[in-house]
Amino acid sequence: RFDAFRKKRNLGAYERAGMASDGE
């Protein structure tokens, strides 16, 4: 789960805004 957040964080930090929800 932590590693899945690593991947999501990379997308949100480097590629696209709005990748994470408030719940995430």
PDBML (XML) file of the C-alpha atoms, coordinates in Angstrom:
<?xml version="1.0" encoding="UTF-8" ?>
<PDBx:datablock datablockName="MODEL"
   xmlns:PDBx="http://pdbml.pdb.org/schema/pdbx-v50.xsd"
   xmlns:xsi="http://www.w3.org/2001/XMLSchema-instance"
   xsi:schemaLocation="http://pdbml.pdb.org/schema/pdbx-v50.xsd pdbx-v50.xsd">
   <PDBx:atom_siteCategory>
      <PDBx:atom_site id="1">
         <PDBx:B_iso_or_equiv>0.00</PDBx:B_iso_or_equiv>
         <PDBx:Cartn_x>0.000</PDBx:Cartn_x>
         <PDBx:Cartn_y>0.000</PDBx:Cartn_y>
         <PDBx:Cartn_z>0.000</PDBx:Cartn_z>
         <PDBx:auth_asym_id>A</PDBx:auth_asym_id>
         <PDBx:auth_atom_id>CA</PDBx:auth_atom_id>
         <PDBx:auth_comp_id>ARG</PDBx:auth_comp_id>
         <PDBx:auth_seq_id>1</PDBx:auth_seq_id>
         <PDBx:group_PDB>ATOM</PDBx:group_PDB>
         <PDBx:label_alt_id xsi:nil="true" />
         <PDBx:label_asym_id>A</PDBx:label_asym_id>
         <PDBx:label_atom_id>CA</PDBx:label_atom_id>
         <PDBx:label_comp_id>ARG</PDBx:label_comp_id>
         <PDBx:label_entity_id>1</PDBx:label_entity_id>
         <PDBx:label_seq_id>1</PDBx:label_seq_id>
         <PDBx:occupancy>1.00</PDBx:occupancy>
         <PDBx:pdbx_PDB_model_num>1</PDBx:pdbx_PDB_model_num>
         <PDBx:type_symbol>C</PDBx:type_symbol>
      </PDBx:atom_site>
      <PDBx:atom_site id="2">
         <PDBx:B_iso_or_equiv>0.00</PDBx:B_iso_or_equiv>
         <PDBx:Cartn_x>2.867</PDBx:Cartn_x>
         <PDBx:Cartn_y>2.364</PDBx:Cartn_y>
         <PDBx:Cartn_z>0.851</PDBx:Cartn_z>
         <PDBx:auth_asym_id>A</PDBx:auth_asym_id>
         <PDBx:auth_atom_id>CA</PDBx:auth_atom_id>
         <PDBx:auth_comp_id>PHE</PDBx:auth_comp_id>
         <PDBx:auth_seq_id>2</PDBx:auth_seq_id>
         <PDBx:group_PDB>ATOM</PDBx:group_PDB>
         <PDBx:label_alt_id xsi:nil="true" />
         <PDBx:label_asym_id>A</PDBx:label_asym_id>
         <PDBx:label_atom_id>CA</PDBx:label_atom_id>
         <PDBx:label_comp_id>PHE</PDBx:label_comp_id>
         <PDBx:label_entity_id>1</PDBx:label_entity_id>
         <PDBx:label_seq_id>2</PDBx:label_seq_id>
         <PDBx:occupancy>1.00</PDBx:occupancy>
         <PDBx:pdbx_PDB_model_num>1</PDBx:pdbx_PDB_model_num>
         <PDBx:type_symbol>C</PDBx:type_symbol>
      </PDBx:atom_site>
      <PDBx:atom_site id="3">
         <PDBx:B_iso_or_equiv>0.00</PDBx:B_iso_or_equiv>
         <PDBx:Cartn_x>4.465</PDBx:Cartn_x>
         <PDBx:Cartn_y>1.550</PDBx:Cartn_y>
         <PDBx:Cartn_z>-2.514</PDBx:Cartn_z>
         <PDBx:auth_asym_id>A</PDBx:auth_asym_id>
         <PDBx:auth_atom_id>CA</PDBx:auth_atom_id>
         <PDBx:auth_comp_id>ASP</PDBx:auth_comp_id>
         <PDBx:auth_seq_id>3</PDBx:auth_seq_id>
         <PDBx:group_PDB>ATOM</PDBx:group_PDB>
         <PDBx:label_alt_id xsi:nil="true" />
         <PDBx:label_asym_id>A</PDBx:label_asym_id>
         <PDBx:label_atom_id>CA</PDBx:label_atom_id>
         <PDBx:label_comp_id>ASP</PDBx:label_comp_id>
         <PDBx:label_entity_id>1</PDBx:label_entity_id>
         <PDBx:label_seq_id>3</PDBx:label_seq_id>
         <PDBx:occupancy>1.00</PDBx:occupancy>
         <PDBx:pdbx_PDB_model_num>1</PDBx:pdbx_PDB_model_num>
         <PDBx:type_symbol>C</PDBx:type_symbol>
      </PDBx:atom_site>
      <PDBx:atom_site id="4">
         <PDBx:B_iso_or_equiv>0.00</PDBx:B_iso_or_equiv>
         <PDBx:Cartn_x>1.170</PDBx:Cartn_x>
         <PDBx:Cartn_y>2.268</PDBx:Cartn_y>
         <PDBx:Cartn_z>-4.309</PDBx:Cartn_z>
         <PDBx:auth_asym_id>A</PDBx:auth_asym_id>
         <PDBx:auth_atom_id>CA</PDBx:auth_atom_id>
         <PDBx:auth_comp_id>ALA</PDBx:auth_comp_id>
         <PDBx:auth_seq_id>4</PDBx:auth_seq_id>
         <PDBx:group_PDB>ATOM</PDBx:group_PDB>
         <PDBx:label_alt_id xsi:nil="true" />
         <PDBx:label_asym_id>A</PDBx:label_asym_id>
         <PDBx:label_atom_id>CA</PDBx:label_atom_id>
         <PDBx:label_comp_id>ALA</PDBx:label_comp_id>
         <PDBx:label_entity_id>1</PDBx:label_entity_id>
         <PDBx:label_seq_id>4</PDBx:label_seq_id>
         <PDBx:occupancy>1.00</PDBx:occupancy>
         <PDBx:pdbx_PDB_model_num>1</PDBx:pdbx_PDB_model_num>
         <PDBx:type_symbol>C</PDBx:type_symbol>
      </PDBx:atom_site>
      <PDBx:atom_site id="5">
         <PDBx:B_iso_or_equiv>0.00</PDBx:B_iso_or_equiv>
         <PDBx:Cartn_x>1.202</PDBx:Cartn_x>
         <PDBx:Cartn_y>5.701</PDBx:Cartn_y>
         <PDBx:Cartn_z>-2.665</PDBx:Cartn_z>
         <PDBx:auth_asym_id>A</PDBx:auth_asym_id>
         <PDBx:auth_atom_id>CA</PDBx:auth_atom_id>
         <PDBx:auth_comp_id>PHE</PDBx:auth_comp_id>
         <PDBx:auth_seq_id>5</PDBx:auth_seq_id>
         <PDBx:group_PDB>ATOM</PDBx:group_PDB>
         <PDBx:label_alt_id xsi:nil="true" />
         <PDBx:label_asym_id>A</PDBx:label_asym_id>
         <PDBx:label_atom_id>CA</PDBx:label_atom_id>
         <PDBx:label_comp_id>PHE</PDBx:label_comp_id>
         <PDBx:label_entity_id>1</PDBx:label_entity_id>
         <PDBx:label_seq_id>5</PDBx:label_seq_id>
         <PDBx:occupancy>1.00</PDBx:occupancy>
         <PDBx:pdbx_PDB_model_num>1</PDBx:pdbx_PDB_model_num>
         <PDBx:type_symbol>C</PDBx:type_symbol>
      </PDBx:atom_site>
      <PDBx:atom_site id="6">
         <PDBx:B_iso_or_equiv>0.00</PDBx:B_iso_or_equiv>
         <PDBx:Cartn_x>4.786</PDBx:Cartn_x>
         <PDBx:Cartn_y>6.164</PDBx:Cartn_y>
         <PDBx:Cartn_z>-3.909</PDBx:Cartn_z>
         <PDBx:auth_asym_id>A</PDBx:auth_asym_id>
         <PDBx:auth_atom_id>CA</PDBx:auth_atom_id>
         <PDBx:auth_comp_id>ARG</PDBx:auth_comp_id>
         <PDBx:auth_seq_id>6</PDBx:auth_seq_id>
         <PDBx:group_PDB>ATOM</PDBx:group_PDB>
         <PDBx:label_alt_id xsi:nil="true" />
         <PDBx:label_asym_id>A</PDBx:label_asym_id>
         <PDBx:label_atom_id>CA</PDBx:label_atom_id>
         <PDBx:label_comp_id>ARG</PDBx:label_comp_id>
         <PDBx:label_entity_id>1</PDBx:label_entity_id>
         <PDBx:label_seq_id>6</PDBx:label_seq_id>
         <PDBx:occupancy>1.00</PDBx:occupancy>
         <PDBx:pdbx_PDB_model_num>1</PDBx:pdbx_PDB_model_num>
         <PDBx:type_symbol>C</PDBx:type_symbol>
      </PDBx:atom_site>
      <PDBx:atom_site id="7">
         <PDBx:B_iso_or_equiv>0.00</PDBx:B_iso_or_equiv>
         <PDBx:Cartn_x>3.560</PDBx:Cartn_x>
         <PDBx:Cartn_y>5.724</PDBx:Cartn_y>
         <PDBx:Cartn_z>-7.463</PDBx:Cartn_z>
         <PDBx:auth_asym_id>A</PDBx:auth_asym_id>
         <PDBx:auth_atom_id>CA</PDBx:auth_atom_id>
         <PDBx:auth_comp_id>LYS</PDBx:auth_comp_id>
         <PDBx:auth_seq_id>7</PDBx:auth_seq_id>
         <PDBx:group_PDB>ATOM</PDBx:group_PDB>
         <PDBx:label_alt_id xsi:nil="true" />
         <PDBx:label_asym_id>A</PDBx:label_asym_id>
         <PDBx:label_atom_id>CA</PDBx:label_atom_id>
         <PDBx:label_comp_id>LYS</PDBx:label_comp_id>
         <PDBx:label_entity_id>1</PDBx:label_entity_id>
         <PDBx:label_seq_id>7</PDBx:label_seq_id>
         <PDBx:occupancy>1.00</PDBx:occupancy>
         <PDBx:pdbx_PDB_model_num>1</PDBx:pdbx_PDB_model_num>
         <PDBx:type_symbol>C</PDBx:type_symbol>
      </PDBx:atom_site>
      <PDBx:atom_site id="8">
         <PDBx:B_iso_or_equiv>0.00</PDBx:B_iso_or_equiv>
         <PDBx:Cartn_x>0.574</PDBx:Cartn_x>
         <PDBx:Cartn_y>8.039</PDBx:Cartn_y>
         <PDBx:Cartn_z>-6.954</PDBx:Cartn_z>
         <PDBx:auth_asym_id>A</PDBx:auth_asym_id>
         <PDBx:auth_atom_id>CA</PDBx:auth_atom_id>
         <PDBx:auth_comp_id>LYS</PDBx:auth_comp_id>
         <PDBx:auth_seq_id>8</PDBx:auth_seq_id>
         <PDBx:group_PDB>ATOM</PDBx:group_PDB>
         <PDBx:label_alt_id xsi:nil="true" />
         <PDBx:label_asym_id>A</PDBx:label_asym_id>
         <PDBx:label_atom_id>CA</PDBx:label_atom_id>
         <PDBx:label_comp_id>LYS</PDBx:label_comp_id>
         <PDBx:label_entity_id>1</PDBx:label_entity_id>
         <PDBx:label_seq_id>8</PDBx:label_seq_id>
         <PDBx:occupancy>1.00</PDBx:occupancy>
         <PDBx:pdbx_PDB_model_num>1</PDBx:pdbx_PDB_model_num>
         <PDBx:type_symbol>C</PDBx:type_symbol>
      </PDBx:atom_site>
      <PDBx:atom_site id="9">
         <PDBx:B_iso_or_equiv>0.00</PDBx:B_iso_or_equiv>
         <PDBx:Cartn_x>2.776</PDBx:Cartn_x>
         <PDBx:Cartn_y>10.665</PDBx:Cartn_y>
         <PDBx:Cartn_z>-5.315</PDBx:Cartn_z>
         <PDBx:auth_asym_id>A</PDBx:auth_asym_id>
         <PDBx:auth_atom_id>CA</PDBx:auth_atom_id>
         <PDBx:auth_comp_id>ARG</PDBx:auth_comp_id>
         <PDBx:auth_seq_id>9</PDBx:auth_seq_id>
         <PDBx:group_PDB>ATOM</PDBx:group_PDB>
         <PDBx:label_alt_id xsi:nil="true" />
         <PDBx:label_asym_id>A</PDBx:label_asym_id>
         <PDBx:label_atom_id>CA</PDBx:label_atom_id>
         <PDBx:label_comp_id>ARG</PDBx:label_comp_id>
         <PDBx:label_entity_id>1</PDBx:label_entity_id>
         <PDBx:label_seq_id>9</PDBx:label_seq_id>
         <PDBx:occupancy>1.00</PDBx:occupancy>
         <PDBx:pdbx_PDB_model_num>1</PDBx:pdbx_PDB_model_num>
         <PDBx:type_symbol>C</PDBx:type_symbol>
      </PDBx:atom_site>
      <PDBx:atom_site id="10">
         <PDBx:B_iso_or_equiv>0.00</PDBx:B_iso_or_equiv>
         <PDBx:Cartn_x>5.162</PDBx:Cartn_x>
         <PDBx:Cartn_y>10.551</PDBx:Cartn_y>
         <PDBx:Cartn_z>-8.280</PDBx:Cartn_z>
         <PDBx:auth_asym_id>A</PDBx:auth_asym_id>
         <PDBx:auth_atom_id>CA</PDBx:auth_atom_id>
         <PDBx:auth_comp_id>ASN</PDBx:auth_comp_id>
         <PDBx:auth_seq_id>10</PDBx:auth_seq_id>
         <PDBx:group_PDB>ATOM</PDBx:group_PDB>
         <PDBx:label_alt_id xsi:nil="true" />
         <PDBx:label_asym_id>A</PDBx:label_asym_id>
         <PDBx:label_atom_id>CA</PDBx:label_atom_id>
         <PDBx:label_comp_id>ASN</PDBx:label_comp_id>
         <PDBx:label_entity_id>1</PDBx:label_entity_id>
         <PDBx:label_seq_id>10</PDBx:label_seq_id>
         <PDBx:occupancy>1.00</PDBx:occupancy>
         <PDBx:pdbx_PDB_model_num>1</PDBx:pdbx_PDB_model_num>
         <PDBx:type_symbol>C</PDBx:type_symbol>
      </PDBx:atom_site>
      <PDBx:atom_site id="11">
         <PDBx:B_iso_or_equiv>0.00</PDBx:B_iso_or_equiv>
         <PDBx:Cartn_x>2.316</PDBx:Cartn_x>
         <PDBx:Cartn_y>11.181</PDBx:Cartn_y>
         <PDBx:Cartn_z>-10.718</PDBx:Cartn_z>
         <PDBx:auth_asym_id>A</PDBx:auth_asym_id>
         <PDBx:auth_atom_id>CA</PDBx:auth_atom_id>
         <PDBx:auth_comp_id>LEU</PDBx:auth_comp_id>
         <PDBx:auth_seq_id>11</PDBx:auth_seq_id>
         <PDBx:group_PDB>ATOM</PDBx:group_PDB>
         <PDBx:label_alt_id xsi:nil="true" />
         <PDBx:label_asym_id>A</PDBx:label_asym_id>
         <PDBx:label_atom_id>CA</PDBx:label_atom_id>
         <PDBx:label_comp_id>LEU</PDBx:label_comp_id>
         <PDBx:label_entity_id>1</PDBx:label_entity_id>
         <PDBx:label_seq_id>11</PDBx:label_seq_id>
         <PDBx:occupancy>1.00</PDBx:occupancy>
         <PDBx:pdbx_PDB_model_num>1</PDBx:pdbx_PDB_model_num>
         <PDBx:type_symbol>C</PDBx:type_symbol>
      </PDBx:atom_site>
      <PDBx:atom_site id="12">
         <PDBx:B_iso_or_equiv>0.00</PDBx:B_iso_or_equiv>
         <PDBx:Cartn_x>0.926</PDBx:Cartn_x>
         <PDBx:Cartn_y>14.047</PDBx:Cartn_y>
         <PDBx:Cartn_z>-8.644</PDBx:Cartn_z>
         <PDBx:auth_asym_id>A</PDBx:auth_asym_id>
         <PDBx:auth_atom_id>CA</PDBx:auth_atom_id>
         <PDBx:auth_comp_id>GLY</PDBx:auth_comp_id>
         <PDBx:auth_seq_id>12</PDBx:auth_seq_id>
         <PDBx:group_PDB>ATOM</PDBx:group_PDB>
         <PDBx:label_alt_id xsi:nil="true" />
         <PDBx:label_asym_id>A</PDBx:label_asym_id>
         <PDBx:label_atom_id>CA</PDBx:label_atom_id>
         <PDBx:label_comp_id>GLY</PDBx:label_comp_id>
         <PDBx:label_entity_id>1</PDBx:label_entity_id>
         <PDBx:label_seq_id>12</PDBx:label_seq_id>
         <PDBx:occupancy>1.00</PDBx:occupancy>
         <PDBx:pdbx_PDB_model_num>1</PDBx:pdbx_PDB_model_num>
         <PDBx:type_symbol>C</PDBx:type_symbol>
      </PDBx:atom_site>
      <PDBx:atom_site id="13">
         <PDBx:B_iso_or_equiv>0.00</PDBx:B_iso_or_equiv>
         <PDBx:Cartn_x>4.316</PDBx:Cartn_x>
         <PDBx:Cartn_y>15.619</PDBx:Cartn_y>
         <PDBx:Cartn_z>-8.013</PDBx:Cartn_z>
         <PDBx:auth_asym_id>A</PDBx:auth_asym_id>
         <PDBx:auth_atom_id>CA</PDBx:auth_atom_id>
         <PDBx:auth_comp_id>ALA</PDBx:auth_comp_id>
         <PDBx:auth_seq_id>13</PDBx:auth_seq_id>
         <PDBx:group_PDB>ATOM</PDBx:group_PDB>
         <PDBx:label_alt_id xsi:nil="true" />
         <PDBx:label_asym_id>A</PDBx:label_asym_id>
         <PDBx:label_atom_id>CA</PDBx:label_atom_id>
         <PDBx:label_comp_id>ALA</PDBx:label_comp_id>
         <PDBx:label_entity_id>1</PDBx:label_entity_id>
         <PDBx:label_seq_id>13</PDBx:label_seq_id>
         <PDBx:occupancy>1.00</PDBx:occupancy>
         <PDBx:pdbx_PDB_model_num>1</PDBx:pdbx_PDB_model_num>
         <PDBx:type_symbol>C</PDBx:type_symbol>
      </PDBx:atom_site>
      <PDBx:atom_site id="14">
         <PDBx:B_iso_or_equiv>0.00</PDBx:B_iso_or_equiv>
         <PDBx:Cartn_x>5.788</PDBx:Cartn_x>
         <PDBx:Cartn_y>15.350</PDBx:Cartn_y>
         <PDBx:Cartn_z>-11.499</PDBx:Cartn_z>
         <PDBx:auth_asym_id>A</PDBx:auth_asym_id>
         <PDBx:auth_atom_id>CA</PDBx:auth_atom_id>
         <PDBx:auth_comp_id>TYR</PDBx:auth_comp_id>
         <PDBx:auth_seq_id>14</PDBx:auth_seq_id>
         <PDBx:group_PDB>ATOM</PDBx:group_PDB>
         <PDBx:label_alt_id xsi:nil="true" />
         <PDBx:label_asym_id>A</PDBx:label_asym_id>
         <PDBx:label_atom_id>CA</PDBx:label_atom_id>
         <PDBx:label_comp_id>TYR</PDBx:label_comp_id>
         <PDBx:label_entity_id>1</PDBx:label_entity_id>
         <PDBx:label_seq_id>14</PDBx:label_seq_id>
         <PDBx:occupancy>1.00</PDBx:occupancy>
         <PDBx:pdbx_PDB_model_num>1</PDBx:pdbx_PDB_model_num>
         <PDBx:type_symbol>C</PDBx:type_symbol>
      </PDBx:atom_site>
      <PDBx:atom_site id="15">
         <PDBx:B_iso_or_equiv>0.00</PDBx:B_iso_or_equiv>
         <PDBx:Cartn_x>3.143</PDBx:Cartn_x>
         <PDBx:Cartn_y>14.730</PDBx:Cartn_y>
         <PDBx:Cartn_z>-14.133</PDBx:Cartn_z>
         <PDBx:auth_asym_id>A</PDBx:auth_asym_id>
         <PDBx:auth_atom_id>CA</PDBx:auth_atom_id>
         <PDBx:auth_comp_id>GLU</PDBx:auth_comp_id>
         <PDBx:auth_seq_id>15</PDBx:auth_seq_id>
         <PDBx:group_PDB>ATOM</PDBx:group_PDB>
         <PDBx:label_alt_id xsi:nil="true" />
         <PDBx:label_asym_id>A</PDBx:label_asym_id>
         <PDBx:label_atom_id>CA</PDBx:label_atom_id>
         <PDBx:label_comp_id>GLU</PDBx:label_comp_id>
         <PDBx:label_entity_id>1</PDBx:label_entity_id>
         <PDBx:label_seq_id>15</PDBx:label_seq_id>
         <PDBx:occupancy>1.00</PDBx:occupancy>
         <PDBx:pdbx_PDB_model_num>1</PDBx:pdbx_PDB_model_num>
         <PDBx:type_symbol>C</PDBx:type_symbol>
      </PDBx:atom_site>
      <PDBx:atom_site id="16">
         <PDBx:B_iso_or_equiv>0.00</PDBx:B_iso_or_equiv>
         <PDBx:Cartn_x>-0.398</PDBx:Cartn_x>
         <PDBx:Cartn_y>15.780</PDBx:Cartn_y>
         <PDBx:Cartn_z>-13.351</PDBx:Cartn_z>
         <PDBx:auth_asym_id>A</PDBx:auth_asym_id>
         <PDBx:auth_atom_id>CA</PDBx:auth_atom_id>
         <PDBx:auth_comp_id>ARG</PDBx:auth_comp_id>
         <PDBx:auth_seq_id>16</PDBx:auth_seq_id>
         <PDBx:group_PDB>ATOM</PDBx:group_PDB>
         <PDBx:label_alt_id xsi:nil="true" />
         <PDBx:label_asym_id>A</PDBx:label_asym_id>
         <PDBx:label_atom_id>CA</PDBx:label_atom_id>
         <PDBx:label_comp_id>ARG</PDBx:label_comp_id>
         <PDBx:label_entity_id>1</PDBx:label_entity_id>
         <PDBx:label_seq_id>16</PDBx:label_seq_id>
         <PDBx:occupancy>1.00</PDBx:occupancy>
         <PDBx:pdbx_PDB_model_num>1</PDBx:pdbx_PDB_model_num>
         <PDBx:type_symbol>C</PDBx:type_symbol>
      </PDBx:atom_site>
      <PDBx:atom_site id="17">
         <PDBx:B_iso_or_equiv>0.00</PDBx:B_iso_or_equiv>
         <PDBx:Cartn_x>-2.320</PDBx:Cartn_x>
         <PDBx:Cartn_y>17.819</PDBx:Cartn_y>
         <PDBx:Cartn_z>-10.805</PDBx:Cartn_z>
         <PDBx:auth_asym_id>A</PDBx:auth_asym_id>
         <PDBx:auth_atom_id>CA</PDBx:auth_atom_id>
         <PDBx:auth_comp_id>ALA</PDBx:auth_comp_id>
         <PDBx:auth_seq_id>17</PDBx:auth_seq_id>
         <PDBx:group_PDB>ATOM</PDBx:group_PDB>
         <PDBx:label_alt_id xsi:nil="true" />
         <PDBx:label_asym_id>A</PDBx:label_asym_id>
         <PDBx:label_atom_id>CA</PDBx:label_atom_id>
         <PDBx:label_comp_id>ALA</PDBx:label_comp_id>
         <PDBx:label_entity_id>1</PDBx:label_entity_id>
         <PDBx:label_seq_id>17</PDBx:label_seq_id>
         <PDBx:occupancy>1.00</PDBx:occupancy>
         <PDBx:pdbx_PDB_model_num>1</PDBx:pdbx_PDB_model_num>
         <PDBx:type_symbol>C</PDBx:type_symbol>
      </PDBx:atom_site>
      <PDBx:atom_site id="18">
         <PDBx:B_iso_or_equiv>0.00</PDBx:B_iso_or_equiv>
         <PDBx:Cartn_x>-5.387</PDBx:Cartn_x>
         <PDBx:Cartn_y>16.420</PDBx:Cartn_y>
         <PDBx:Cartn_z>-9.100</PDBx:Cartn_z>
         <PDBx:auth_asym_id>A</PDBx:auth_asym_id>
         <PDBx:auth_atom_id>CA</PDBx:auth_atom_id>
         <PDBx:auth_comp_id>GLY</PDBx:auth_comp_id>
         <PDBx:auth_seq_id>18</PDBx:auth_seq_id>
         <PDBx:group_PDB>ATOM</PDBx:group_PDB>
         <PDBx:label_alt_id xsi:nil="true" />
         <PDBx:label_asym_id>A</PDBx:label_asym_id>
         <PDBx:label_atom_id>CA</PDBx:label_atom_id>
         <PDBx:label_comp_id>GLY</PDBx:label_comp_id>
         <PDBx:label_entity_id>1</PDBx:label_entity_id>
         <PDBx:label_seq_id>18</PDBx:label_seq_id>
         <PDBx:occupancy>1.00</PDBx:occupancy>
         <PDBx:pdbx_PDB_model_num>1</PDBx:pdbx_PDB_model_num>
         <PDBx:type_symbol>C</PDBx:type_symbol>
      </PDBx:atom_site>
      <PDBx:atom_site id="19">
         <PDBx:B_iso_or_equiv>0.00</PDBx:B_iso_or_equiv>
         <PDBx:Cartn_x>-4.179</PDBx:Cartn_x>
         <PDBx:Cartn_y>12.821</PDBx:Cartn_y>
         <PDBx:Cartn_z>-8.846</PDBx:Cartn_z>
         <PDBx:auth_asym_id>A</PDBx:auth_asym_id>
         <PDBx:auth_atom_id>CA</PDBx:auth_atom_id>
         <PDBx:auth_comp_id>MET</PDBx:auth_comp_id>
         <PDBx:auth_seq_id>19</PDBx:auth_seq_id>
         <PDBx:group_PDB>ATOM</PDBx:group_PDB>
         <PDBx:label_alt_id xsi:nil="true" />
         <PDBx:label_asym_id>A</PDBx:label_asym_id>
         <PDBx:label_atom_id>CA</PDBx:label_atom_id>
         <PDBx:label_comp_id>MET</PDBx:label_comp_id>
         <PDBx:label_entity_id>1</PDBx:label_entity_id>
         <PDBx:label_seq_id>19</PDBx:label_seq_id>
         <PDBx:occupancy>1.00</PDBx:occupancy>
         <PDBx:pdbx_PDB_model_num>1</PDBx:pdbx_PDB_model_num>
         <PDBx:type_symbol>C</PDBx:type_symbol>
      </PDBx:atom_site>
      <PDBx:atom_site id="20">
         <PDBx:B_iso_or_equiv>0.00</PDBx:B_iso_or_equiv>
         <PDBx:Cartn_x>-5.002</PDBx:Cartn_x>
         <PDBx:Cartn_y>12.340</PDBx:Cartn_y>
         <PDBx:Cartn_z>-5.161</PDBx:Cartn_z>
         <PDBx:auth_asym_id>A</PDBx:auth_asym_id>
         <PDBx:auth_atom_id>CA</PDBx:auth_atom_id>
         <PDBx:auth_comp_id>ALA</PDBx:auth_comp_id>
         <PDBx:auth_seq_id>20</PDBx:auth_seq_id>
         <PDBx:group_PDB>ATOM</PDBx:group_PDB>
         <PDBx:label_alt_id xsi:nil="true" />
         <PDBx:label_asym_id>A</PDBx:label_asym_id>
         <PDBx:label_atom_id>CA</PDBx:label_atom_id>
         <PDBx:label_comp_id>ALA</PDBx:label_comp_id>
         <PDBx:label_entity_id>1</PDBx:label_entity_id>
         <PDBx:label_seq_id>20</PDBx:label_seq_id>
         <PDBx:occupancy>1.00</PDBx:occupancy>
         <PDBx:pdbx_PDB_model_num>1</PDBx:pdbx_PDB_model_num>
         <PDBx:type_symbol>C</PDBx:type_symbol>
      </PDBx:atom_site>
      <PDBx:atom_site id="21">
         <PDBx:B_iso_or_equiv>0.00</PDBx:B_iso_or_equiv>
         <PDBx:Cartn_x>-8.355</PDBx:Cartn_x>
         <PDBx:Cartn_y>12.528</PDBx:Cartn_y>
         <PDBx:Cartn_z>-3.437</PDBx:Cartn_z>
         <PDBx:auth_asym_id>A</PDBx:auth_asym_id>
         <PDBx:auth_atom_id>CA</PDBx:auth_atom_id>
         <PDBx:auth_comp_id>SER</PDBx:auth_comp_id>
         <PDBx:auth_seq_id>21</PDBx:auth_seq_id>
         <PDBx:group_PDB>ATOM</PDBx:group_PDB>
         <PDBx:label_alt_id xsi:nil="true" />
         <PDBx:label_asym_id>A</PDBx:label_asym_id>
         <PDBx:label_atom_id>CA</PDBx:label_atom_id>
         <PDBx:label_comp_id>SER</PDBx:label_comp_id>
         <PDBx:label_entity_id>1</PDBx:label_entity_id>
         <PDBx:label_seq_id>21</PDBx:label_seq_id>
         <PDBx:occupancy>1.00</PDBx:occupancy>
         <PDBx:pdbx_PDB_model_num>1</PDBx:pdbx_PDB_model_num>
         <PDBx:type_symbol>C</PDBx:type_symbol>
      </PDBx:atom_site>
      <PDBx:atom_site id="22">
         <PDBx:B_iso_or_equiv>0.00</PDBx:B_iso_or_equiv>
         <PDBx:Cartn_x>-8.923</PDBx:Cartn_x>
         <PDBx:Cartn_y>13.901</PDBx:Cartn_y>
         <PDBx:Cartn_z>0.054</PDBx:Cartn_z>
         <PDBx:auth_asym_id>A</PDBx:auth_asym_id>
         <PDBx:auth_atom_id>CA</PDBx:auth_atom_id>
         <PDBx:auth_comp_id>ASP</PDBx:auth_comp_id>
         <PDBx:auth_seq_id>22</PDBx:auth_seq_id>
         <PDBx:group_PDB>ATOM</PDBx:group_PDB>
         <PDBx:label_alt_id xsi:nil="true" />
         <PDBx:label_asym_id>A</PDBx:label_asym_id>
         <PDBx:label_atom_id>CA</PDBx:label_atom_id>
         <PDBx:label_comp_id>ASP</PDBx:label_comp_id>
         <PDBx:label_entity_id>1</PDBx:label_entity_id>
         <PDBx:label_seq_id>22</PDBx:label_seq_id>
         <PDBx:occupancy>1.00</PDBx:occupancy>
         <PDBx:pdbx_PDB_model_num>1</PDBx:pdbx_PDB_model_num>
         <PDBx:type_symbol>C</PDBx:type_symbol>
      </PDBx:atom_site>
      <PDBx:atom_site id="23">
         <PDBx:B_iso_or_equiv>0.00</PDBx:B_iso_or_equiv>
         <PDBx:Cartn_x>-9.539</PDBx:Cartn_x>
         <PDBx:Cartn_y>10.324</PDBx:Cartn_y>
         <PDBx:Cartn_z>1.197</PDBx:Cartn_z>
         <PDBx:auth_asym_id>A</PDBx:auth_asym_id>
         <PDBx:auth_atom_id>CA</PDBx:auth_atom_id>
         <PDBx:auth_comp_id>GLY</PDBx:auth_comp_id>
         <PDBx:auth_seq_id>23</PDBx:auth_seq_id>
         <PDBx:group_PDB>ATOM</PDBx:group_PDB>
         <PDBx:label_alt_id xsi:nil="true" />
         <PDBx:label_asym_id>A</PDBx:label_asym_id>
         <PDBx:label_atom_id>CA</PDBx:label_atom_id>
         <PDBx:label_comp_id>GLY</PDBx:label_comp_id>
         <PDBx:label_entity_id>1</PDBx:label_entity_id>
         <PDBx:label_seq_id>23</PDBx:label_seq_id>
         <PDBx:occupancy>1.00</PDBx:occupancy>
         <PDBx:pdbx_PDB_model_num>1</PDBx:pdbx_PDB_model_num>
         <PDBx:type_symbol>C</PDBx:type_symbol>
      </PDBx:atom_site>
      <PDBx:atom_site id="24">
         <PDBx:B_iso_or_equiv>0.00</PDBx:B_iso_or_equiv>
         <PDBx:Cartn_x>-6.226</PDBx:Cartn_x>
         <PDBx:Cartn_y>9.137</PDBx:Cartn_y>
         <PDBx:Cartn_z>-0.216</PDBx:Cartn_z>
         <PDBx:auth_asym_id>A</PDBx:auth_asym_id>
         <PDBx:auth_atom_id>CA</PDBx:auth_atom_id>
         <PDBx:auth_comp_id>GLU</PDBx:auth_comp_id>
         <PDBx:auth_seq_id>24</PDBx:auth_seq_id>
         <PDBx:group_PDB>ATOM</PDBx:group_PDB>
         <PDBx:label_alt_id xsi:nil="true" />
         <PDBx:label_asym_id>A</PDBx:label_asym_id>
         <PDBx:label_atom_id>CA</PDBx:label_atom_id>
         <PDBx:label_comp_id>GLU</PDBx:label_comp_id>
         <PDBx:label_entity_id>1</PDBx:label_entity_id>
         <PDBx:label_seq_id>24</PDBx:label_seq_id>
         <PDBx:occupancy>1.00</PDBx:occupancy>
         <PDBx:pdbx_PDB_model_num>1</PDBx:pdbx_PDB_model_num>
         <PDBx:type_symbol>C</PDBx:type_symbol>
      </PDBx:atom_site>
   </PDBx:atom_siteCategory>
</PDBx:datablock>
